[in-house]
Protein backbone atom coordinates (compact mmCIF):
# COMPACT_ATOMS: atom_id res chain seq x y z
CA UNK A 1 -78.34 72.38 8.77
CA UNK A 2 -80.65 73.41 5.87
CA UNK A 3 -82.65 70.97 4.13
CA UNK A 4 -83.77 71.02 0.52
CA UNK A 5 -87.35 69.49 0.01
CA UNK A 6 -88.21 68.18 -3.68
CA UNK A 7 -91.96 67.51 -3.67
CA UNK A 8 -92.27 66.98 -7.15
CA UNK A 9 -90.22 65.94 -10.27
CA UNK A 10 -92.17 68.56 -12.35
CA UNK A 11 -89.64 70.66 -14.32
CA UNK A 12 -90.77 74.00 -15.60
CA UNK A 13 -89.59 74.86 -18.98
CA UNK A 14 -89.22 78.37 -20.62
CA UNK A 15 -88.12 79.21 -24.15
CA UNK A 16 -85.71 82.07 -24.53
CA UNK A 17 -86.67 83.58 -27.71
CA UNK A 18 -83.54 85.59 -28.05
CA UNK A 19 -81.15 82.80 -28.02
CA UNK A 20 -83.35 80.00 -29.13
CA UNK A 21 -82.92 78.04 -26.06
CA UNK A 22 -85.09 76.20 -23.64
CA UNK A 23 -84.26 76.84 -19.86
CA UNK A 24 -85.28 73.99 -17.58
CA UNK A 25 -85.50 74.39 -14.04
CA UNK A 26 -87.44 72.79 -10.85
CA UNK A 27 -88.92 74.23 -7.55
CA UNK A 28 -87.40 73.03 -4.25
CA UNK A 29 -88.15 74.09 -0.86
CA UNK A 30 -85.18 75.46 1.75
CA UNK A 31 -85.90 74.62 5.28
CA UNK A 32 -83.61 76.75 7.18
CA UNK A 33 -84.66 75.04 10.45
CA UNK A 34 -87.37 77.49 11.40
CA UNK A 35 -90.29 75.13 9.97
CA UNK A 36 -90.79 77.49 6.99
CA UNK A 37 -89.61 76.72 3.44
CA UNK A 38 -88.32 79.39 1.29
CA UNK A 39 -88.99 78.02 -2.41
CA UNK A 40 -86.31 78.48 -4.81
CA UNK A 41 -85.54 77.31 -8.42
CA UNK A 42 -82.54 74.99 -9.33
CA UNK A 43 -81.33 75.15 -12.88
CA UNK A 44 -81.08 71.80 -14.61
CA UNK A 45 -79.56 72.34 -17.63
CA UNK A 46 -79.66 68.86 -19.57
CA UNK A 47 -79.62 67.11 -16.33
CA UNK A 48 -82.58 65.14 -15.37
CA UNK A 49 -85.26 66.29 -12.58
CA UNK A 50 -84.42 65.37 -8.99
CA UNK A 51 -86.92 62.99 -7.65
CA UNK A 52 -88.92 63.91 -4.52
CA UNK A 53 -87.20 63.60 -1.26
CA UNK A 54 -84.69 65.58 1.14
CA UNK A 55 -81.47 66.83 -0.14
CA UNK A 56 -78.39 68.88 1.03
CA UNK A 57 -76.87 71.66 -1.12
CA UNK A 58 -73.44 70.00 -2.73
CA UNK A 59 -70.36 72.16 -1.20
CA UNK A 60 -69.29 72.51 -4.93
CA UNK A 61 -72.35 74.47 -5.59
CA UNK A 62 -71.13 77.56 -3.66
CA UNK A 63 -68.74 80.32 -4.84
CA UNK A 64 -67.49 83.52 -3.91
CA UNK A 65 -68.34 87.04 -6.06
CA UNK A 66 -65.77 89.06 -6.72
CA UNK A 67 -66.53 91.18 -3.62
CA UNK A 68 -66.07 88.16 -1.40
CA UNK A 69 -69.62 87.46 -0.97
CA UNK A 70 -70.94 84.03 -0.59
CA UNK A 71 -73.15 82.86 -3.66
CA UNK A 72 -74.73 79.91 -5.44
CA UNK A 73 -73.47 78.81 -8.80
CA UNK A 74 -75.85 78.97 -11.59
CA UNK A 75 -76.57 75.19 -11.67
CA UNK A 76 -76.86 74.16 -7.93
CA UNK A 77 -76.25 70.34 -7.37
CA UNK A 78 -78.27 68.59 -4.83
CA UNK A 79 -77.15 65.51 -2.68
CA UNK A 80 -79.67 63.12 -1.47
CA UNK A 81 -79.42 63.11 2.58
CA UNK A 82 -79.21 59.26 2.38
CA UNK A 83 -76.00 59.52 0.48
CA UNK A 84 -74.44 61.66 3.22
CA UNK A 85 -74.88 59.14 5.80
CA UNK A 86 -71.93 58.05 7.95
CA UNK A 87 -70.53 54.43 7.01
CA UNK A 88 -71.58 51.80 9.43
CA UNK A 89 -68.80 50.79 11.47
CA UNK A 90 -67.92 47.00 11.14
CA UNK A 91 -67.65 44.54 13.82
CA UNK A 92 -64.51 43.08 14.74
């Protein structure tokens, strides 16, 4: 399972001069299991930055292109790995 690692809550802001808007993003490392991280940018829009930690990509962030290719949507949502843990079975 690929793991996304957020090392810093720093946000990059770039001004789009044409539209007068600010594009906010955050750098994340994607570990595909080979020990190397592939850096990629996560668009934040108006959302707060992700805190440092390990995340998975929310399945809702995936889409299909008109040609049937798997793609990521413009705004990728990350899920903290702790939140995905299976519930603990209660003792009877």
